[in-house]
Amino acid sequence: TSHTAILAKALDIPAVVGCRDILADVRGGDTVIVDGVS
């Protein structure tokens, strides 16, 4: 029910929320994959 979820659907782009501690693993410029289904 988060705003990110609501607006991502409106924008029609993939979104993953509640991804704990992800900022500890990712750095700006890293190649990443987002699977909004799983």
PDB file of all heavy atoms in Angstrom:
ATOM      1  N   THR A   1       0.819  -1.216   0.000  1.00  0.00           N
ATOM      2  CA  THR A   1       0.000   0.000   0.000  1.00  0.00           C
ATOM      3  C   THR A   1       0.851   1.262   0.000  1.00  0.00           C
ATOM      4  O   THR A   1       0.311   2.358   0.119  1.00  0.00           O
ATOM      5  CB  THR A   1      -0.917   0.031   1.241  1.00  0.00           C
ATOM      6  OG1 THR A   1      -0.113   0.063   2.424  1.00  0.00           O
ATOM      7  CG2 THR A   1      -1.830  -1.176   1.276  1.00  0.00           C
ATOM      8  N   SER A   2       2.159   1.149  -0.130  1.00  0.00           N
ATOM      9  CA  SER A   2       3.045   2.313  -0.058  1.00  0.00           C
ATOM     10  C   SER A   2       2.854   3.211  -1.278  1.00  0.00           C
ATOM     11  O   SER A   2       2.396   2.783  -2.335  1.00  0.00           O
ATOM     12  CB  SER A   2       4.510   1.881   0.040  1.00  0.00           C
ATOM     13  OG  SER A   2       4.918   1.219  -1.142  1.00  0.00           O
ATOM     14  N   HIS A   3       3.240   4.468  -1.125  1.00  0.00           N
ATOM     15  CA  HIS A   3       3.140   5.412  -2.230  1.00  0.00           C
ATOM     16  C   HIS A   3       3.987   4.958  -3.415  1.00  0.00           C
ATOM     17  O   HIS A   3       3.597   5.130  -4.571  1.00  0.00           O
ATOM     18  CB  HIS A   3       3.592   6.799  -1.783  1.00  0.00           C
ATOM     19  CG  HIS A   3       2.668   7.456  -0.818  1.00  0.00           C
ATOM     20  ND1 HIS A   3       1.327   7.623  -1.084  1.00  0.00           N
ATOM     21  CD2 HIS A   3       2.873   7.994   0.404  1.00  0.00           C
ATOM     22  CE1 HIS A   3       0.755   8.242  -0.069  1.00  0.00           C
ATOM     23  NE2 HIS A   3       1.660   8.472   0.848  1.00  0.00           N
ATOM     24  N   THR A   4       5.147   4.396  -3.130  1.00  0.00           N
ATOM     25  CA  THR A   4       6.006   3.914  -4.210  1.00  0.00           C
ATOM     26  C   THR A   4       5.271   2.868  -5.046  1.00  0.00           C
ATOM     27  O   THR A   4       5.327   2.878  -6.274  1.00  0.00           O
ATOM     28  CB  THR A   4       7.308   3.316  -3.646  1.00  0.00           C
ATOM     29  OG1 THR A   4       8.003   4.326  -2.894  1.00  0.00           O
ATOM     30  CG2 THR A   4       8.216   2.821  -4.763  1.00  0.00           C
ATOM     31  N   ALA A   5       4.560   1.967  -4.369  1.00  0.00           N
ATOM     32  CA  ALA A   5       3.812   0.923  -5.075  1.00  0.00           C
ATOM     33  C   ALA A   5       2.699   1.522  -5.931  1.00  0.00           C
ATOM     34  O   ALA A   5       2.547   1.180  -7.107  1.00  0.00           O
ATOM     35  CB  ALA A   5       3.223  -0.061  -4.069  1.00  0.00           C
ATOM     36  N   ILE A   6       1.930   2.425  -5.356  1.00  0.00           N
ATOM     37  CA  ILE A   6       0.798   3.025  -6.063  1.00  0.00           C
ATOM     38  C   ILE A   6       1.261   3.796  -7.294  1.00  0.00           C
ATOM     39  O   ILE A   6       0.718   3.645  -8.393  1.00  0.00           O
ATOM     40  CB  ILE A   6       0.006   3.953  -5.118  1.00  0.00           C
ATOM     41  CG1 ILE A   6      -0.634   3.142  -3.993  1.00  0.00           C
ATOM     42  CG2 ILE A   6      -1.050   4.737  -5.884  1.00  0.00           C
ATOM     43  CD1 ILE A   6      -1.194   3.990  -2.866  1.00  0.00           C
ATOM     44  N   LEU A   7       2.300   4.614  -7.115  1.00  0.00           N
ATOM     45  CA  LEU A   7       2.742   5.458  -8.215  1.00  0.00           C
ATOM     46  C   LEU A   7       3.532   4.687  -9.260  1.00  0.00           C
ATOM     47  O   LEU A   7       3.499   5.028 -10.439  1.00  0.00           O
ATOM     48  CB  LEU A   7       3.552   6.632  -7.664  1.00  0.00           C
ATOM     49  CG  LEU A   7       2.695   7.635  -6.881  1.00  0.00           C
ATOM     50  CD1 LEU A   7       3.564   8.613  -6.096  1.00  0.00           C
ATOM     51  CD2 LEU A   7       1.778   8.405  -7.804  1.00  0.00           C
ATOM     52  N   ALA A   8       4.241   3.640  -8.856  1.00  0.00           N
ATOM     53  CA  ALA A   8       4.959   2.818  -9.833  1.00  0.00           C
ATOM     54  C   ALA A   8       3.977   2.154 -10.779  1.00  0.00           C
ATOM     55  O   ALA A   8       4.210   2.052 -11.990  1.00  0.00           O
ATOM     56  CB  ALA A   8       5.814   1.769  -9.134  1.00  0.00           C
ATOM     57  N   LYS A   9       2.838   1.699 -10.239  1.00  0.00           N
ATOM     58  CA  LYS A   9       1.809   1.098 -11.089  1.00  0.00           C
ATOM     59  C   LYS A   9       1.224   2.133 -12.037  1.00  0.00           C
ATOM     60  O   LYS A   9       0.947   1.846 -13.199  1.00  0.00           O
ATOM     61  CB  LYS A   9       0.708   0.485 -10.224  1.00  0.00           C
ATOM     62  CG  LYS A   9       1.139  -0.786  -9.498  1.00  0.00           C
ATOM     63  CD  LYS A   9       0.043  -1.301  -8.589  1.00  0.00           C
ATOM     64  CE  LYS A   9       0.501  -2.546  -7.842  1.00  0.00           C
ATOM     65  NZ  LYS A   9      -0.526  -3.016  -6.881  1.00  0.00           N
ATOM     66  N   ALA A  10       1.037   3.356 -11.529  1.00  0.00           N
ATOM     67  CA  ALA A  10       0.497   4.417 -12.384  1.00  0.00           C
ATOM     68  C   ALA A  10       1.485   4.768 -13.497  1.00  0.00           C
ATOM     69  O   ALA A  10       1.078   5.060 -14.626  1.00  0.00           O
ATOM     70  CB  ALA A  10       0.185   5.658 -11.544  1.00  0.00           C
ATOM     71  N   LEU A  11       2.776   4.746 -13.174  1.00  0.00           N
ATOM     72  CA  LEU A  11       3.813   5.024 -14.168  1.00  0.00           C
ATOM     73  C   LEU A  11       4.072   3.834 -15.076  1.00  0.00           C
ATOM     74  O   LEU A  11       4.722   3.956 -16.109  1.00  0.00           O
ATOM     75  CB  LEU A  11       5.123   5.412 -13.463  1.00  0.00           C
ATOM     76  CG  LEU A  11       5.133   6.783 -12.769  1.00  0.00           C
ATOM     77  CD1 LEU A  11       6.336   6.889 -11.829  1.00  0.00           C
ATOM     78  CD2 LEU A  11       5.173   7.906 -13.794  1.00  0.00           C
ATOM     79  N   ASP A  12       3.586   2.660 -14.644  1.00  0.00           N
ATOM     80  CA  ASP A  12       3.760   1.417 -15.397  1.00  0.00           C
ATOM     81  C   ASP A  12       5.236   1.049 -15.534  1.00  0.00           C
ATOM     82  O   ASP A  12       5.723   0.712 -16.613  1.00  0.00           O
ATOM     83  CB  ASP A  12       3.115   1.528 -16.783  1.00  0.00           C
ATOM     84  CG  ASP A  12       2.887   0.164 -17.430  1.00  0.00           C
ATOM     85  OD1 ASP A  12       2.860  -0.836 -16.691  1.00  0.00           O
ATOM     86  OD2 ASP A  12       2.748   0.089 -18.667  1.00  0.00           O
ATOM     87  N   ILE A  13       5.969   1.131 -14.402  1.00  0.00           N
ATOM     88  CA  ILE A  13       7.360   0.685 -14.373  1.00  0.00           C
ATOM     89  C   ILE A  13       7.539  -0.313 -13.232  1.00  0.00           C
ATOM     90  O   ILE A  13       6.820  -0.249 -12.231  1.00  0.00           O
ATOM     91  CB  ILE A  13       8.358   1.852 -14.201  1.00  0.00           C
ATOM     92  CG1 ILE A  13       8.090   2.640 -12.905  1.00  0.00           C
ATOM     93  CG2 ILE A  13       8.331   2.773 -15.409  1.00  0.00           C
ATOM     94  CD1 ILE A  13       9.100   3.741 -12.640  1.00  0.00           C
ATOM     95  N   PRO A  14       8.484  -1.260 -13.361  1.00  0.00           N
ATOM     96  CA  PRO A  14       8.684  -2.254 -12.303  1.00  0.00           C
ATOM     97  C   PRO A  14       9.128  -1.600 -10.996  1.00  0.00           C
ATOM     98  O   PRO A  14       9.842  -0.593 -11.005  1.00  0.00           O
ATOM     99  CB  PRO A  14       9.804  -3.151 -12.858  1.00  0.00           C
ATOM    100  CG  PRO A  14       9.893  -2.848 -14.310  1.00  0.00           C
ATOM    101  CD  PRO A  14       9.410  -1.448 -14.485  1.00  0.00           C
ATOM    102  N   ALA A  15       8.715  -2.196  -9.875  1.00  0.00           N
ATOM    103  CA  ALA A  15       9.130  -1.680  -8.571  1.00  0.00           C
ATOM    104  C   ALA A  15       9.207  -2.812  -7.564  1.00  0.00           C
ATOM    105  O   ALA A  15       8.365  -3.713  -7.552  1.00  0.00           O
ATOM    106  CB  ALA A  15       8.166  -0.601  -8.079  1.00  0.00           C
ATOM    107  N   VAL A  16      10.231  -2.746  -6.716  1.00  0.00           N
ATOM    108  CA  VAL A  16      10.402  -3.678  -5.608  1.00  0.00           C
ATOM    109  C   VAL A  16      10.577  -2.850  -4.348  1.00  0.00           C
ATOM    110  O   VAL A  16      11.436  -1.966  -4.287  1.00  0.00           O
ATOM    111  CB  VAL A  16      11.622  -4.596  -5.811  1.00  0.00           C
ATOM    112  CG1 VAL A  16      11.871  -5.458  -4.574  1.00  0.00           C
ATOM    113  CG2 VAL A  16      11.434  -5.480  -7.039  1.00  0.00           C
ATOM    114  N   VAL A  17       9.749  -3.098  -3.336  1.00  0.00           N
ATOM    115  CA  VAL A  17       9.854  -2.384  -2.065  1.00  0.00           C
ATOM    116  C   VAL A  17      10.170  -3.394  -0.959  1.00  0.00           C
ATOM    117  O   VAL A  17      10.114  -4.605  -1.169  1.00  0.00           O
ATOM    118  CB  VAL A  17       8.555  -1.623  -1.736  1.00  0.00           C
ATOM    119  CG1 VAL A  17       8.231  -0.626  -2.837  1.00  0.00           C
ATOM    120  CG2 VAL A  17       7.392  -2.582  -1.534  1.00  0.00           C
ATOM    121  N   GLY A  18      10.492  -2.882   0.218  1.00  0.00           N
ATOM    122  CA  GLY A  18      10.811  -3.771   1.342  1.00  0.00           C
ATOM    123  C   GLY A  18      12.037  -4.620   1.085  1.00  0.00           C
ATOM    124  O   GLY A  18      12.170  -5.717   1.637  1.00  0.00           O
ATOM    125  N   CYS A  19      12.962  -4.104   0.267  1.00  0.00           N
ATOM    126  CA  CYS A  19      14.196  -4.843  -0.057  1.00  0.00           C
ATOM    127  C   CYS A  19      15.265  -4.419   0.954  1.00  0.00           C
ATOM    128  O   CYS A  19      16.069  -3.512   0.700  1.00  0.00           O
ATOM    129  CB  CYS A  19      14.626  -4.539  -1.493  1.00  0.00           C
ATOM    130  SG  CYS A  19      15.862  -5.658  -2.148  1.00  0.00           S
ATOM    131  N   ARG A  20      15.249  -5.065   2.087  1.00  0.00           N
ATOM    132  CA  ARG A  20      16.058  -4.626   3.230  1.00  0.00           C
ATOM    133  C   ARG A  20      17.557  -4.672   2.956  1.00  0.00           C
ATOM    134  O   ARG A  20      18.062  -5.636   2.383  1.00  0.00           O
ATOM    135  CB  ARG A  20      15.720  -5.473   4.459  1.00  0.00           C
ATOM    136  CG  ARG A  20      14.307  -5.205   4.975  1.00  0.00           C
ATOM    137  CD  ARG A  20      14.034  -5.940   6.264  1.00  0.00           C
ATOM    138  NE  ARG A  20      13.996  -7.387   6.055  1.00  0.00           N
ATOM    139  CZ  ARG A  20      13.863  -8.279   7.028  1.00  0.00           C
ATOM    140  NH1 ARG A  20      13.776  -7.857   8.280  1.00  0.00           N
ATOM    141  NH2 ARG A  20      13.814  -9.561   6.760  1.00  0.00           N
ATOM    142  N   ASP A  21      18.232  -3.589   3.375  1.00  0.00           N
ATOM    143  CA  ASP A  21      19.703  -3.470   3.315  1.00  0.00           C
ATOM    144  C   ASP A  21      20.262  -3.484   1.896  1.00  0.00           C
ATOM    145  O   ASP A  21      21.464  -3.694   1.701  1.00  0.00           O
ATOM    146  CB  ASP A  21      20.378  -4.589   4.141  1.00  0.00           C
ATOM    147  CG  ASP A  21      19.948  -4.574   5.596  1.00  0.00           C
ATOM    148  OD1 ASP A  21      19.786  -3.477   6.142  1.00  0.00           O
ATOM    149  OD2 ASP A  21      19.778  -5.664   6.177  1.00  0.00           O
ATOM    150  N   ILE A  22      19.427  -3.227   0.894  1.00  0.00           N
ATOM    151  CA  ILE A  22      19.929  -3.221  -0.479  1.00  0.00           C
ATOM    152  C   ILE A  22      20.940  -2.105  -0.705  1.00  0.00           C
ATOM    153  O   ILE A  22      21.875  -2.246  -1.511  1.00  0.00           O
ATOM    154  CB  ILE A  22      18.754  -3.104  -1.493  1.00  0.00           C
ATOM    155  CG1 ILE A  22      19.254  -3.261  -2.934  1.00  0.00           C
ATOM    156  CG2 ILE A  22      18.025  -1.779  -1.336  1.00  0.00           C
ATOM    157  CD1 ILE A  22      19.821  -4.593  -3.263  1.00  0.00           C
ATOM    158  N   LEU A  23      20.823  -0.975   0.030  1.00  0.00           N
ATOM    159  CA  LEU A  23      21.742   0.134  -0.169  1.00  0.00           C
ATOM    160  C   LEU A  23      23.162  -0.200   0.273  1.00  0.00           C
ATOM    161  O   LEU A  23      24.118   0.454  -0.150  1.00  0.00           O
ATOM    162  CB  LEU A  23      21.247   1.380   0.579  1.00  0.00           C
ATOM    163  CG  LEU A  23      19.897   1.959   0.115  1.00  0.00           C
ATOM    164  CD1 LEU A  23      19.635   3.294   0.808  1.00  0.00           C
ATOM    165  CD2 LEU A  23      19.857   2.130  -1.388  1.00  0.00           C
ATOM    166  N   ALA A  24      23.297  -1.231   1.103  1.00  0.00           N
ATOM    167  CA  ALA A  24      24.632  -1.653   1.518  1.00  0.00           C
ATOM    168  C   ALA A  24      25.349  -2.410   0.402  1.00  0.00           C
ATOM    169  O   ALA A  24      26.581  -2.528   0.406  1.00  0.00           O
ATOM    170  CB  ALA A  24      24.542  -2.539   2.764  1.00  0.00           C
ATOM    171  N   ASP A  25      24.593  -2.909  -0.568  1.00  0.00           N
ATOM    172  CA  ASP A  25      25.171  -3.722  -1.643  1.00  0.00           C
ATOM    173  C   ASP A  25      25.371  -2.977  -2.950  1.00  0.00           C
ATOM    174  O   ASP A  25      26.212  -3.347  -3.764  1.00  0.00           O
ATOM    175  CB  ASP A  25      24.270  -4.937  -1.925  1.00  0.00           C
ATOM    176  CG  ASP A  25      24.252  -5.936  -0.786  1.00  0.00           C
ATOM    177  OD1 ASP A  25      25.053  -5.768   0.152  1.00  0.00           O
ATOM    178  OD2 ASP A  25      23.435  -6.864  -0.829  1.00  0.00           O
ATOM    179  N   VAL A  26      24.551  -1.941  -3.164  1.00  0.00           N
ATOM    180  CA  VAL A  26      24.572  -1.287  -4.467  1.00  0.00           C
ATOM    181  C   VAL A  26      25.310   0.047  -4.414  1.00  0.00           C
ATOM    182  O   VAL A  26      25.298   0.738  -3.403  1.00  0.00           O
ATOM    183  CB  VAL A  26      23.126  -1.076  -4.980  1.00  0.00           C
ATOM    184  CG1 VAL A  26      22.392  -0.023  -4.160  1.00  0.00           C
ATOM    185  CG2 VAL A  26      23.123  -0.707  -6.455  1.00  0.00           C
ATOM    186  N   ARG A  27      25.976   0.381  -5.514  1.00  0.00           N
ATOM    187  CA  ARG A  27      26.681   1.655  -5.662  1.00  0.00           C
ATOM    188  C   ARG A  27      26.195   2.332  -6.938  1.00  0.00           C
ATOM    189  O   ARG A  27      25.816   1.667  -7.902  1.00  0.00           O
ATOM    190  CB  ARG A  27      28.197   1.446  -5.739  1.00  0.00           C
ATOM    191  CG  ARG A  27      28.801   0.826  -4.492  1.00  0.00           C
ATOM    192  CD  ARG A  27      28.801   1.805  -3.314  1.00  0.00           C
ATOM    193  NE  ARG A  27      29.365   1.201  -2.110  1.00  0.00           N
ATOM    194  CZ  ARG A  27      28.659   0.572  -1.202  1.00  0.00           C
ATOM    195  NH1 ARG A  27      27.348   0.442  -1.368  1.00  0.00           N
ATOM    196  NH2 ARG A  27      29.219   0.056  -0.131  1.00  0.00           N
ATOM    197  N   GLY A  28      26.239   3.653  -6.954  1.00  0.00           N
ATOM    198  CA  GLY A  28      25.833   4.382  -8.139  1.00  0.00           C
ATOM    199  C   GLY A  28      26.623   3.926  -9.358  1.00  0.00           C
ATOM    200  O   GLY A  28      27.852   3.804  -9.302  1.00  0.00           O
ATOM    201  N   GLY A  29      25.935   3.668 -10.454  1.00  0.00           N
ATOM    202  CA  GLY A  29      26.595   3.230 -11.672  1.00  0.00           C
ATOM    203  C   GLY A  29      26.660   1.727 -11.838  1.00  0.00           C
ATOM    204  O   GLY A  29      27.000   1.228 -12.923  1.00  0.00           O
ATOM    205  N   ASP A  30      26.334   0.973 -10.778  1.00  0.00           N
ATOM    206  CA  ASP A  30      26.321  -0.493 -10.887  1.00  0.00           C
ATOM    207  C   ASP A  30      25.257  -0.946 -11.891  1.00  0.00           C
ATOM    208  O   ASP A  30      24.165  -0.368 -11.963  1.00  0.00           O
ATOM    209  CB  ASP A  30      25.981  -1.146  -9.534  1.00  0.00           C
ATOM    210  CG  ASP A  30      27.170  -1.197  -8.582  1.00  0.00           C
ATOM    211  OD1 ASP A  30      28.300  -0.959  -9.035  1.00  0.00           O
ATOM    212  OD2 ASP A  30      26.940  -1.474  -7.386  1.00  0.00           O
ATOM    213  N   THR A  31      25.569  -1.990 -12.649  1.00  0.00           N
ATOM    214  CA  THR A  31      24.544  -2.624 -13.463  1.00  0.00           C
ATOM    215  C   THR A  31      23.650  -3.448 -12.541  1.00  0.00           C
ATOM    216  O   THR A  31      24.147  -4.200 -11.693  1.00  0.00           O
ATOM    217  CB  THR A  31      25.180  -3.542 -14.523  1.00  0.00           C
ATOM    218  OG1 THR A  31      25.985  -2.754 -15.402  1.00  0.00           O
ATOM    219  CG2 THR A  31      24.098  -4.249 -15.344  1.00  0.00           C
ATOM    220  N   VAL A  32      22.337  -3.293 -12.685  1.00  0.00           N
ATOM    221  CA  VAL A  32      21.395  -3.985 -11.807  1.00  0.00           C
ATOM    222  C   VAL A  32      20.242  -4.556 -12.617  1.00  0.00           C
ATOM    223  O   VAL A  32      19.947  -4.100 -13.728  1.00  0.00           O
ATOM    224  CB  VAL A  32      20.829  -3.047 -10.711  1.00  0.00           C
ATOM    225  CG1 VAL A  32      21.916  -2.616  -9.751  1.00  0.00           C
ATOM    226  CG2 VAL A  32      20.155  -1.839 -11.340  1.00  0.00           C
ATOM    227  N   ILE A  33      19.599  -5.549 -12.040  1.00  0.00           N
ATOM    228  CA  ILE A  33      18.397  -6.142 -12.620  1.00  0.00           C
ATOM    229  C   ILE A  33      17.288  -6.058 -11.584  1.00  0.00           C
ATOM    230  O   ILE A  33      17.494  -6.399 -10.416  1.00  0.00           O
ATOM    231  CB  ILE A  33      18.629  -7.621 -13.008  1.00  0.00           C
ATOM    232  CG1 ILE A  33      19.633  -7.718 -14.166  1.00  0.00           C
ATOM    233  CG2 ILE A  33      17.320  -8.296 -13.386  1.00  0.00           C
ATOM    234  CD1 ILE A  33      20.072  -9.144 -14.464  1.00  0.00           C
ATOM    235  N   VAL A  34      16.115  -5.607 -12.013  1.00  0.00           N
ATOM    236  CA  VAL A  34      14.944  -5.547 -11.126  1.00  0.00           C
ATOM    237  C   VAL A  34      13.858  -6.448 -11.701  1.00  0.00           C
ATOM    238  O   VAL A  34      13.448  -6.282 -12.857  1.00  0.00           O
ATOM    239  CB  VAL A  34      14.415  -4.107 -10.985  1.00  0.00           C
ATOM    240  CG1 VAL A  34      13.167  -4.087 -10.105  1.00  0.00           C
ATOM    241  CG2 VAL A  34      15.485  -3.198 -10.406  1.00  0.00           C
ATOM    242  N   ASP A  35      13.438  -7.411 -10.892  1.00  0.00           N
ATOM    243  CA  ASP A  35      12.369  -8.329 -11.278  1.00  0.00           C
ATOM    244  C   ASP A  35      11.132  -7.965 -10.459  1.00  0.00           C
ATOM    245  O   ASP A  35      11.001  -8.374  -9.299  1.00  0.00           O
ATOM    246  CB  ASP A  35      12.807  -9.772 -10.998  1.00  0.00           C
ATOM    247  CG  ASP A  35      11.798 -10.808 -11.489  1.00  0.00           C
ATOM    248  OD1 ASP A  35      10.611 -10.463 -11.588  1.00  0.00           O
ATOM    249  OD2 ASP A  35      12.197 -11.960 -11.734  1.00  0.00           O
ATOM    250  N   GLY A  36      10.246  -7.184 -11.062  1.00  0.00           N
ATOM    251  CA  GLY A  36       9.040  -6.747 -10.354  1.00  0.00           C
ATOM    252  C   GLY A  36       7.998  -7.832 -10.190  1.00  0.00           C
ATOM    253  O   GLY A  36       7.016  -7.636  -9.497  1.00  0.00           O
ATOM    254  N   VAL A  37       8.228  -8.984 -10.810  1.00  0.00           N
ATOM    255  CA  VAL A  37       7.307 -10.109 -10.681  1.00  0.00           C
ATOM    256  C   VAL A  37       7.643 -10.926  -9.435  1.00  0.00           C
ATOM    257  O   VAL A  37       6.783 -11.206  -8.592  1.00  0.00           O
ATOM    258  CB  VAL A  37       7.339 -11.001 -11.934  1.00  0.00           C
ATOM    259  CG1 VAL A  37       6.431 -12.217 -11.756  1.00  0.00           C
ATOM    260  CG2 VAL A  37       6.938 -10.195 -13.167  1.00  0.00           C
ATOM    261  N   SER A  38       8.919 -11.294  -9.296  1.00  0.00           N
ATOM    262  CA  SER A  38       9.345 -12.121  -8.158  1.00  0.00           C
ATOM    263  C   SER A  38       9.791 -11.293  -6.961  1.00  0.00           C
ATOM    264  O   SER A  38       9.898 -11.810  -5.854  1.00  0.00           O
ATOM    265  CB  SER A  38      10.497 -13.038  -8.584  1.00  0.00           C
ATOM    266  OG  SER A  38      11.674 -12.279  -8.832  1.00  0.00           O
TER     267      SER A  38
END
